[in-house]
Amino acid sequence: MVEEAKSDVEQEPILSNFYYNSILSHKCFEKALANHLAAKLSFSSLNSNTLFDLFLGVLVESKEIMEYVKADLRAVRERDPACISYVQCFLNFKGFLACQAHRIAHKLWTQGRKILALLIQNRVSEVFAVDIHPGAKIGQGILFDHATGVVIGETAVIGNNVSILHGVTLGGTGKTCGDRHPKIGDGVLIGAGTCVLGNVKIGDGAKIGAGSVVLKEVPARTTAVGNPARLIGGKENPFRLDKIPSLTMDHTSHITQ
């Protein structure tokens, strides 16, 4: 990422101060990330220096978080064709930044520092238009593509290598309390504008078509589309997806309806 940053500065010298302050002046990834998030999320009553110290303390303390951060960075670079470099993801992709801010907030939440965690959630929502409750559990290798309008509830659980597009809600039905949010398996793809509601399981490798409303379990390696969502493909409905005219693939290879 440092080499990419140096190359960018050679191409656009006007960005030299920005790149120096964001990446090149820092001796480790933890400091660069803490600094960049602090600059994004600070406000008049809570300055960036204070947030930097808070964020850096969490990142240095938790090696697991940093491993997840690196996995997320690789996931965006590999799975989002709009991502031209690691440095562009780090600096400019708000889905990536919102996810890392959530990881810090979640750590604080589990430590009982809930007031701070909720403040970070609020700032992430205001700055990035991504609202993830700090209680939600998120695995590694996550791609929030575009990310605007993503809402994830307190008891949601997201596995590894999951891709979620913009406008997705992992929410409750409003009829229950306690453990009330979706459980998303590994390798799941959730299309834009989708709502998955209630304590329902989306199995490993499942795909949810854009604009779907999911209220029931989706088995592993099965596609669900529509409102309410119906199952297409998989062991229970073994139809070939290329024979379903209502499904198309966009430029990011995500299923849309």
C-alpha atoms as a PDB file:
ATOM      1  CA  MET A   1       0.000   0.000   0.000  1.00  0.00           C
ATOM      2  CA  VAL A   2       2.912   2.354   0.688  1.00  0.00           C
ATOM      3  CA  GLU A   3       4.286   1.730  -2.795  1.00  0.00           C
ATOM      4  CA  GLU A   4       0.867   2.419  -4.298  1.00  0.00           C
ATOM      5  CA  ALA A   5       0.673   5.663  -2.325  1.00  0.00           C
ATOM      6  CA  LYS A   6       4.066   6.796  -3.580  1.00  0.00           C
ATOM      7  CA  SER A   7       3.028   6.031  -7.144  1.00  0.00           C
ATOM      8  CA  ASP A   8      -0.198   8.018  -6.733  1.00  0.00           C
ATOM      9  CA  VAL A   9       1.724  11.030  -5.426  1.00  0.00           C
ATOM     10  CA  GLU A  10       4.021  10.905  -8.447  1.00  0.00           C
ATOM     11  CA  GLN A  11       0.969  11.024 -10.703  1.00  0.00           C
ATOM     12  CA  GLU A  12      -0.895  13.661  -8.668  1.00  0.00           C
ATOM     13  CA  PRO A  13       1.557  15.816  -6.680  1.00  0.00           C
ATOM     14  CA  ILE A  14      -1.339  17.951  -5.457  1.00  0.00           C
ATOM     15  CA  LEU A  15      -2.248  15.023  -3.157  1.00  0.00           C
ATOM     16  CA  SER A  16       1.180  14.761  -1.542  1.00  0.00           C
ATOM     17  CA  ASN A  17       0.194  16.319   1.799  1.00  0.00           C
ATOM     18  CA  PHE A  18      -2.968  14.225   2.012  1.00  0.00           C
ATOM     19  CA  TYR A  19      -1.106  11.001   1.265  1.00  0.00           C
ATOM     20  CA  TYR A  20       1.702  11.888   3.651  1.00  0.00           C
ATOM     21  CA  ASN A  21      -0.680  12.616   6.532  1.00  0.00           C
ATOM     22  CA  SER A  22      -2.882   9.592   5.797  1.00  0.00           C
ATOM     23  CA  ILE A  23      -0.326   6.882   4.978  1.00  0.00           C
ATOM     24  CA  LEU A  24       3.292   7.766   4.326  1.00  0.00           C
ATOM     25  CA  SER A  25       4.032   9.424   7.680  1.00  0.00           C
ATOM     26  CA  HIS A  26       2.909   6.373   9.689  1.00  0.00           C
ATOM     27  CA  LYS A  27       5.237   3.531  10.623  1.00  0.00           C
ATOM     28  CA  CYS A  28       2.533   0.893  10.966  1.00  0.00           C
ATOM     29  CA  PHE A  29      -0.874   0.023   9.548  1.00  0.00           C
ATOM     30  CA  GLU A  30      -2.568   0.442  12.923  1.00  0.00           C
ATOM     31  CA  LYS A  31      -1.519   4.080  13.169  1.00  0.00           C
ATOM     32  CA  ALA A  32      -2.518   4.871   9.612  1.00  0.00           C
ATOM     33  CA  LEU A  33      -5.973   3.342  10.093  1.00  0.00           C
ATOM     34  CA  ALA A  34      -6.541   4.976  13.486  1.00  0.00           C
ATOM     35  CA  ASN A  35      -5.500   8.338  12.095  1.00  0.00           C
ATOM     36  CA  HIS A  36      -7.672   8.096   8.979  1.00  0.00           C
ATOM     37  CA  LEU A  37     -10.781   6.994  10.890  1.00  0.00           C
ATOM     38  CA  ALA A  38     -10.212   9.696  13.513  1.00  0.00           C
ATOM     39  CA  ALA A  39      -9.974  12.366  10.828  1.00  0.00           C
ATOM     40  CA  LYS A  40     -13.203  11.139   9.239  1.00  0.00           C
ATOM     41  CA  LEU A  41     -15.239  10.749  12.440  1.00  0.00           C
ATOM     42  CA  SER A  42     -14.050  13.669  14.585  1.00  0.00           C
ATOM     43  CA  PHE A  43     -16.269  16.679  15.245  1.00  0.00           C
ATOM     44  CA  SER A  44     -16.109  19.948  17.145  1.00  0.00           C
ATOM     45  CA  SER A  45     -16.684  18.424  20.589  1.00  0.00           C
ATOM     46  CA  LEU A  46     -14.472  15.376  20.075  1.00  0.00           C
ATOM     47  CA  ASN A  47     -11.253  16.132  18.240  1.00  0.00           C
ATOM     48  CA  SER A  48      -9.256  13.795  16.031  1.00  0.00           C
ATOM     49  CA  ASN A  49      -6.362  13.457  18.499  1.00  0.00           C
ATOM     50  CA  THR A  50      -8.663  12.042  21.161  1.00  0.00           C
ATOM     51  CA  LEU A  51     -10.247   9.613  18.714  1.00  0.00           C
ATOM     52  CA  PHE A  52      -6.831   8.631  17.350  1.00  0.00           C
ATOM     53  CA  ASP A  53      -5.648   7.627  20.824  1.00  0.00           C
ATOM     54  CA  LEU A  54      -8.857   5.673  21.438  1.00  0.00           C
ATOM     55  CA  PHE A  55      -8.798   3.890  18.078  1.00  0.00           C
ATOM     56  CA  LEU A  56      -5.085   3.121  18.192  1.00  0.00           C
ATOM     57  CA  GLY A  57      -5.400   1.623  21.667  1.00  0.00           C
ATOM     58  CA  VAL A  58      -8.087  -0.792  20.437  1.00  0.00           C
ATOM     59  CA  LEU A  59      -6.231  -1.725  17.247  1.00  0.00           C
ATOM     60  CA  VAL A  60      -2.888  -2.327  18.960  1.00  0.00           C
ATOM     61  CA  GLU A  61      -4.560  -4.369  21.699  1.00  0.00           C
ATOM     62  CA  SER A  62      -6.423  -6.661  19.285  1.00  0.00           C
ATOM     63  CA  LYS A  63      -4.348  -8.544  16.722  1.00  0.00           C
ATOM     64  CA  GLU A  64      -7.542 -10.291  15.578  1.00  0.00           C
ATOM     65  CA  ILE A  65      -9.096  -6.999  14.485  1.00  0.00           C
ATOM     66  CA  MET A  66      -6.061  -6.145  12.373  1.00  0.00           C
ATOM     67  CA  GLU A  67      -6.144  -9.565  10.716  1.00  0.00           C
ATOM     68  CA  TYR A  68      -9.807  -8.958   9.882  1.00  0.00           C
ATOM     69  CA  VAL A  69      -8.978  -5.481   8.553  1.00  0.00           C
ATOM     70  CA  LYS A  70      -6.372  -6.930   6.198  1.00  0.00           C
ATOM     71  CA  ALA A  71      -8.808  -9.631   5.054  1.00  0.00           C
ATOM     72  CA  ASP A  72     -11.420  -6.954   4.334  1.00  0.00           C
ATOM     73  CA  LEU A  73      -8.895  -4.933   2.344  1.00  0.00           C
ATOM     74  CA  ARG A  74      -8.031  -7.974   0.237  1.00  0.00           C
ATOM     75  CA  ALA A  75     -11.713  -8.805  -0.236  1.00  0.00           C
ATOM     76  CA  VAL A  76     -12.541  -5.380  -1.625  1.00  0.00           C
ATOM     77  CA  ARG A  77      -9.538  -5.396  -3.950  1.00  0.00           C
ATOM     78  CA  GLU A  78     -10.326  -8.878  -5.256  1.00  0.00           C
ATOM     79  CA  ARG A  79     -14.140  -8.817  -5.411  1.00  0.00           C
ATOM     80  CA  ASP A  80     -14.976  -5.231  -6.375  1.00  0.00           C
ATOM     81  CA  PRO A  81     -13.967  -4.520  -9.998  1.00  0.00           C
ATOM     82  CA  ALA A  82     -14.304  -0.782  -9.299  1.00  0.00           C
ATOM     83  CA  CYS A  83     -11.411  -0.950  -6.818  1.00  0.00           C
ATOM     84  CA  ILE A  84      -8.187  -0.019  -8.634  1.00  0.00           C
ATOM     85  CA  SER A  85      -5.776  -0.359  -5.693  1.00  0.00           C
ATOM     86  CA  TYR A  86      -5.462  -1.135  -1.991  1.00  0.00           C
ATOM     87  CA  VAL A  87      -4.688   2.490  -1.231  1.00  0.00           C
ATOM     88  CA  GLN A  88      -7.880   3.697  -2.907  1.00  0.00           C
ATOM     89  CA  CYS A  89      -9.919   1.259  -0.834  1.00  0.00           C
ATOM     90  CA  PHE A  90      -8.191   2.402   2.342  1.00  0.00           C
ATOM     91  CA  LEU A  91      -8.633   6.101   1.641  1.00  0.00           C
ATOM     92  CA  ASN A  92     -11.917   6.351  -0.218  1.00  0.00           C
ATOM     93  CA  PHE A  93     -14.196   3.320   0.119  1.00  0.00           C
ATOM     94  CA  LYS A  94     -16.665   4.189   2.842  1.00  0.00           C
ATOM     95  CA  GLY A  95     -17.954   0.625   3.114  1.00  0.00           C
ATOM     96  CA  PHE A  96     -14.474  -0.522   4.103  1.00  0.00           C
ATOM     97  CA  LEU A  97     -14.016   2.384   6.540  1.00  0.00           C
ATOM     98  CA  ALA A  98     -17.449   1.911   8.095  1.00  0.00           C
ATOM     99  CA  CYS A  99     -16.703  -1.771   8.667  1.00  0.00           C
ATOM    100  CA  GLN A 100     -13.408  -1.001  10.417  1.00  0.00           C
ATOM    101  CA  ALA A 101     -15.017   1.659  12.594  1.00  0.00           C
ATOM    102  CA  HIS A 102     -17.630  -0.932  13.528  1.00  0.00           C
ATOM    103  CA  ARG A 103     -14.913  -3.401  14.520  1.00  0.00           C
ATOM    104  CA  ILE A 104     -13.558  -0.846  16.963  1.00  0.00           C
ATOM    105  CA  ALA A 105     -17.038  -0.013  18.255  1.00  0.00           C
ATOM    106  CA  HIS A 106     -17.836  -3.713  18.700  1.00  0.00           C
ATOM    107  CA  LYS A 107     -14.673  -4.236  20.727  1.00  0.00           C
ATOM    108  CA  LEU A 108     -15.628  -1.342  22.989  1.00  0.00           C
ATOM    109  CA  TRP A 109     -19.168  -2.759  23.257  1.00  0.00           C
ATOM    110  CA  THR A 110     -17.867  -6.131  24.430  1.00  0.00           C
ATOM    111  CA  GLN A 111     -15.658  -4.361  26.980  1.00  0.00           C
ATOM    112  CA  GLY A 112     -18.718  -2.668  28.490  1.00  0.00           C
ATOM    113  CA  ARG A 113     -17.837   0.761  27.049  1.00  0.00           C
ATOM    114  CA  LYS A 114     -21.248   1.014  25.419  1.00  0.00           C
ATOM    115  CA  ILE A 115     -21.581   4.793  25.502  1.00  0.00           C
ATOM    116  CA  LEU A 116     -18.421   5.206  23.418  1.00  0.00           C
ATOM    117  CA  ALA A 117     -19.468   2.385  21.104  1.00  0.00           C
ATOM    118  CA  LEU A 118     -22.850   3.989  20.432  1.00  0.00           C
ATOM    119  CA  LEU A 119     -21.218   7.366  19.801  1.00  0.00           C
ATOM    120  CA  ILE A 120     -18.996   5.779  17.143  1.00  0.00           C
ATOM    121  CA  GLN A 121     -22.039   4.100  15.597  1.00  0.00           C
ATOM    122  CA  ASN A 122     -23.807   7.454  15.406  1.00  0.00           C
ATOM    123  CA  ARG A 123     -20.825   9.187  13.787  1.00  0.00           C
ATOM    124  CA  VAL A 124     -20.402   6.370  11.250  1.00  0.00           C
ATOM    125  CA  SER A 125     -24.075   6.697  10.372  1.00  0.00           C
ATOM    126  CA  GLU A 126     -23.762  10.460   9.931  1.00  0.00           C
ATOM    127  CA  VAL A 127     -20.500  10.398   7.970  1.00  0.00           C
ATOM    128  CA  PHE A 128     -20.771   7.198   5.892  1.00  0.00           C
ATOM    129  CA  ALA A 129     -24.565   6.610   5.796  1.00  0.00           C
ATOM    130  CA  VAL A 130     -23.961   3.117   7.192  1.00  0.00           C
ATOM    131  CA  ASP A 131     -25.720   2.154  10.432  1.00  0.00           C
ATOM    132  CA  ILE A 132     -24.289  -0.937  12.141  1.00  0.00           C
ATOM    133  CA  HIS A 133     -25.178  -1.513  15.766  1.00  0.00           C
ATOM    134  CA  PRO A 134     -21.994  -2.107  17.799  1.00  0.00           C
ATOM    135  CA  GLY A 135     -23.450  -5.325  19.166  1.00  0.00           C
ATOM    136  CA  ALA A 136     -23.549  -6.953  15.714  1.00  0.00           C
ATOM    137  CA  LYS A 137     -20.906  -9.615  15.042  1.00  0.00           C
ATOM    138  CA  ILE A 138     -19.110  -9.454  11.686  1.00  0.00           C
ATOM    139  CA  GLY A 139     -16.577 -11.923  10.305  1.00  0.00           C
ATOM    140  CA  GLN A 140     -13.620 -11.250   8.028  1.00  0.00           C
ATOM    141  CA  GLY A 141     -13.265 -10.738   4.288  1.00  0.00           C
ATOM    142  CA  ILE A 142     -16.296  -8.442   4.174  1.00  0.00           C
ATOM    143  CA  LEU A 143     -17.267  -6.348   1.148  1.00  0.00           C
ATOM    144  CA  PHE A 144     -19.802  -3.557   1.666  1.00  0.00           C
ATOM    145  CA  ASP A 145     -20.145  -2.506  -1.983  1.00  0.00           C
ATOM    146  CA  HIS A 146     -21.210   1.174  -2.229  1.00  0.00           C
ATOM    147  CA  ALA A 147     -22.561   0.751   1.335  1.00  0.00           C
ATOM    148  CA  THR A 148     -24.986   3.693   1.412  1.00  0.00           C
ATOM    149  CA  GLY A 149     -28.084   2.833   3.386  1.00  0.00           C
ATOM    150  CA  VAL A 150     -26.832  -0.405   4.943  1.00  0.00           C
ATOM    151  CA  VAL A 151     -28.528  -1.069   8.302  1.00  0.00           C
ATOM    152  CA  ILE A 152     -27.504  -3.976  10.554  1.00  0.00           C
ATOM    153  CA  GLY A 153     -29.203  -4.694  13.866  1.00  0.00           C
ATOM    154  CA  GLU A 154     -27.800  -5.452  17.298  1.00  0.00           C
ATOM    155  CA  THR A 155     -28.062  -9.258  17.310  1.00  0.00           C
ATOM    156  CA  ALA A 156     -27.157  -9.815  13.652  1.00  0.00           C
ATOM    157  CA  VAL A 157     -24.276 -12.174  12.903  1.00  0.00           C
ATOM    158  CA  ILE A 158     -22.373 -12.072   9.596  1.00  0.00           C
ATOM    159  CA  GLY A 159     -19.957 -14.829   8.626  1.00  0.00           C
ATOM    160  CA  ASN A 160     -16.746 -14.664   6.598  1.00  0.00           C
ATOM    161  CA  ASN A 161     -16.344 -13.572   2.965  1.00  0.00           C
ATOM    162  CA  VAL A 162     -19.790 -11.982   2.751  1.00  0.00           C
ATOM    163  CA  SER A 163     -20.671  -9.371   0.114  1.00  0.00           C
ATOM    164  CA  ILE A 164     -23.440  -6.870   0.847  1.00  0.00           C
ATOM    165  CA  LEU A 165     -24.577  -4.164  -1.565  1.00  0.00           C
ATOM    166  CA  HIS A 166     -26.136  -0.784  -0.809  1.00  0.00           C
ATOM    167  CA  GLY A 167     -29.545  -0.310   0.774  1.00  0.00           C
ATOM    168  CA  VAL A 168     -29.515  -3.658   2.590  1.00  0.00           C
ATOM    169  CA  THR A 169     -31.278  -4.063   5.938  1.00  0.00           C
ATOM    170  CA  LEU A 170     -30.524  -6.903   8.332  1.00  0.00           C
ATOM    171  CA  GLY A 171     -33.258  -6.007  10.777  1.00  0.00           C
ATOM    172  CA  GLY A 172     -35.948  -7.192  13.128  1.00  0.00           C
ATOM    173  CA  THR A 173     -39.618  -7.680  12.411  1.00  0.00           C
ATOM    174  CA  GLY A 174     -40.676  -5.430  15.284  1.00  0.00           C
ATOM    175  CA  LYS A 175     -42.589  -8.300  16.854  1.00  0.00           C
ATOM    176  CA  THR A 176     -39.859  -9.786  19.058  1.00  0.00           C
ATOM    177  CA  CYS A 177     -37.108  -8.760  21.438  1.00  0.00           C
ATOM    178  CA  GLY A 178     -33.864 -10.419  22.426  1.00  0.00           C
ATOM    179  CA  ASP A 179     -32.113 -12.348  19.641  1.00  0.00           C
ATOM    180  CA  ARG A 180     -34.095 -10.856  16.777  1.00  0.00           C
ATOM    181  CA  HIS A 181     -31.815 -10.273  13.778  1.00  0.00           C
ATOM    182  CA  PRO A 182     -30.558 -12.388  10.852  1.00  0.00           C
ATOM    183  CA  LYS A 183     -27.663 -14.839  10.912  1.00  0.00           C
ATOM    184  CA  ILE A 184     -25.695 -14.687   7.643  1.00  0.00           C
ATOM    185  CA  GLY A 185     -23.466 -17.635   6.727  1.00  0.00           C
ATOM    186  CA  ASP A 186     -20.070 -17.646   5.029  1.00  0.00           C
ATOM    187  CA  GLY A 187     -19.758 -16.581   1.394  1.00  0.00           C
ATOM    188  CA  VAL A 188     -23.242 -15.089   1.143  1.00  0.00           C
ATOM    189  CA  LEU A 189     -24.101 -12.407  -1.447  1.00  0.00           C
ATOM    190  CA  ILE A 190     -26.931  -9.982  -0.628  1.00  0.00           C
ATOM    191  CA  GLY A 191     -28.133  -7.798  -3.499  1.00  0.00           C
ATOM    192  CA  ALA A 192     -28.987  -4.104  -3.361  1.00  0.00           C
ATOM    193  CA  GLY A 193     -32.143  -2.957  -1.610  1.00  0.00           C
ATOM    194  CA  THR A 194     -32.736  -6.268   0.138  1.00  0.00           C
ATOM    195  CA  CYS A 195     -34.399  -6.658   3.538  1.00  0.00           C
ATOM    196  CA  VAL A 196     -33.666  -9.731   5.641  1.00  0.00           C
ATOM    197  CA  LEU A 197     -35.888  -9.529   8.697  1.00  0.00           C
ATOM    198  CA  GLY A 198     -36.059 -11.513  11.903  1.00  0.00           C
ATOM    199  CA  ASN A 199     -33.869 -14.173  13.466  1.00  0.00           C
ATOM    200  CA  VAL A 200     -33.583 -16.147  10.220  1.00  0.00           C
ATOM    201  CA  LYS A 201     -30.577 -18.041   8.877  1.00  0.00           C
ATOM    202  CA  ILE A 202     -29.086 -17.448   5.451  1.00  0.00           C
ATOM    203  CA  GLY A 203     -27.000 -20.536   4.684  1.00  0.00           C
ATOM    204  CA  ASP A 204     -23.403 -20.616   3.473  1.00  0.00           C
ATOM    205  CA  GLY A 205     -22.963 -19.584  -0.154  1.00  0.00           C
ATOM    206  CA  ALA A 206     -26.553 -18.403  -0.580  1.00  0.00           C
ATOM    207  CA  LYS A 207     -27.436 -15.496  -2.882  1.00  0.00           C
ATOM    208  CA  ILE A 208     -30.237 -12.995  -2.284  1.00  0.00           C
ATOM    209  CA  GLY A 209     -31.457 -11.133  -5.377  1.00  0.00           C
ATOM    210  CA  ALA A 210     -31.746  -7.351  -5.389  1.00  0.00           C
ATOM    211  CA  GLY A 211     -34.892  -5.901  -3.832  1.00  0.00           C
ATOM    212  CA  SER A 212     -35.904  -9.121  -2.099  1.00  0.00           C
ATOM    213  CA  VAL A 213     -37.660  -9.343   1.248  1.00  0.00           C
ATOM    214  CA  VAL A 214     -36.540 -12.424   3.166  1.00  0.00           C
ATOM    215  CA  LEU A 215     -38.574 -13.567   6.161  1.00  0.00           C
ATOM    216  CA  LYS A 216     -37.671 -17.268   6.249  1.00  0.00           C
ATOM    217  CA  GLU A 217     -34.526 -19.390   6.218  1.00  0.00           C
ATOM    218  CA  VAL A 218     -32.582 -19.663   2.959  1.00  0.00           C
ATOM    219  CA  PRO A 219     -30.669 -22.966   2.676  1.00  0.00           C
ATOM    220  CA  ALA A 220     -26.986 -23.070   1.818  1.00  0.00           C
ATOM    221  CA  ARG A 221     -26.000 -22.528  -1.833  1.00  0.00           C
ATOM    222  CA  THR A 222     -29.516 -21.464  -2.770  1.00  0.00           C
ATOM    223  CA  THR A 223     -30.717 -18.281  -4.456  1.00  0.00           C
ATOM    224  CA  ALA A 224     -33.710 -16.375  -3.093  1.00  0.00           C
ATOM    225  CA  VAL A 225     -35.500 -13.633  -5.052  1.00  0.00           C
ATOM    226  CA  GLY A 226     -38.655 -11.557  -4.795  1.00  0.00           C
ATOM    227  CA  ASN A 227     -41.028 -10.074  -2.241  1.00  0.00           C
ATOM    228  CA  PRO A 228     -41.665 -12.251  -0.372  1.00  0.00           C
ATOM    229  CA  ALA A 229     -38.531 -14.143  -1.383  1.00  0.00           C
ATOM    230  CA  ARG A 230     -38.899 -17.475  -3.153  1.00  0.00           C
ATOM    231  CA  LEU A 231     -36.172 -20.062  -3.535  1.00  0.00           C
ATOM    232  CA  ILE A 232     -34.504 -20.729  -6.890  1.00  0.00           C
ATOM    233  CA  GLY A 233     -31.749 -23.276  -7.362  1.00  0.00           C
ATOM    234  CA  GLY A 234     -30.058 -25.334  -4.692  1.00  0.00           C
ATOM    235  CA  LYS A 235     -30.903 -28.900  -3.724  1.00  0.00           C
ATOM    236  CA  GLU A 236     -34.553 -28.163  -2.993  1.00  0.00           C
ATOM    237  CA  ASN A 237     -35.173 -26.249  -6.250  1.00  0.00           C
ATOM    238  CA  PRO A 238     -32.539 -27.491  -8.731  1.00  0.00           C
ATOM    239  CA  PHE A 239     -33.236 -25.085 -11.600  1.00  0.00           C
ATOM    240  CA  ARG A 240     -30.427 -23.592 -13.660  1.00  0.00           C
ATOM    241  CA  LEU A 241     -30.142 -19.870 -13.003  1.00  0.00           C
ATOM    242  CA  ASP A 242     -29.400 -19.095 -16.652  1.00  0.00           C
ATOM    243  CA  LYS A 243     -32.874 -20.410 -17.511  1.00  0.00           C
ATOM    244  CA  ILE A 244     -34.611 -17.891 -15.243  1.00  0.00           C
ATOM    245  CA  PRO A 245     -35.258 -14.762 -17.369  1.00  0.00           C
ATOM    246  CA  SER A 246     -35.939 -12.502 -14.373  1.00  0.00           C
ATOM    247  CA  LEU A 247     -32.305 -12.763 -13.215  1.00  0.00           C
ATOM    248  CA  THR A 248     -29.481 -10.767 -14.789  1.00  0.00           C
ATOM    249  CA  MET A 249     -25.896 -10.086 -13.839  1.00  0.00           C
ATOM    250  CA  ASP A 250     -24.630  -6.502 -13.540  1.00  0.00           C
ATOM    251  CA  HIS A 251     -21.058  -5.295 -14.091  1.00  0.00           C
ATOM    252  CA  THR A 252     -20.049  -6.250 -10.558  1.00  0.00           C
ATOM    253  CA  SER A 253     -21.258  -9.843 -11.060  1.00  0.00           C
ATOM    254  CA  HIS A 254     -23.947  -9.407  -8.408  1.00  0.00           C
ATOM    255  CA  ILE A 255     -27.383 -10.883  -8.991  1.00  0.00           C
ATOM    256  CA  THR A 256     -30.116  -8.339  -9.666  1.00  0.00           C
ATOM    257  CA  GLN A 257     -33.780  -8.825 -10.394  1.00  0.00           C
END
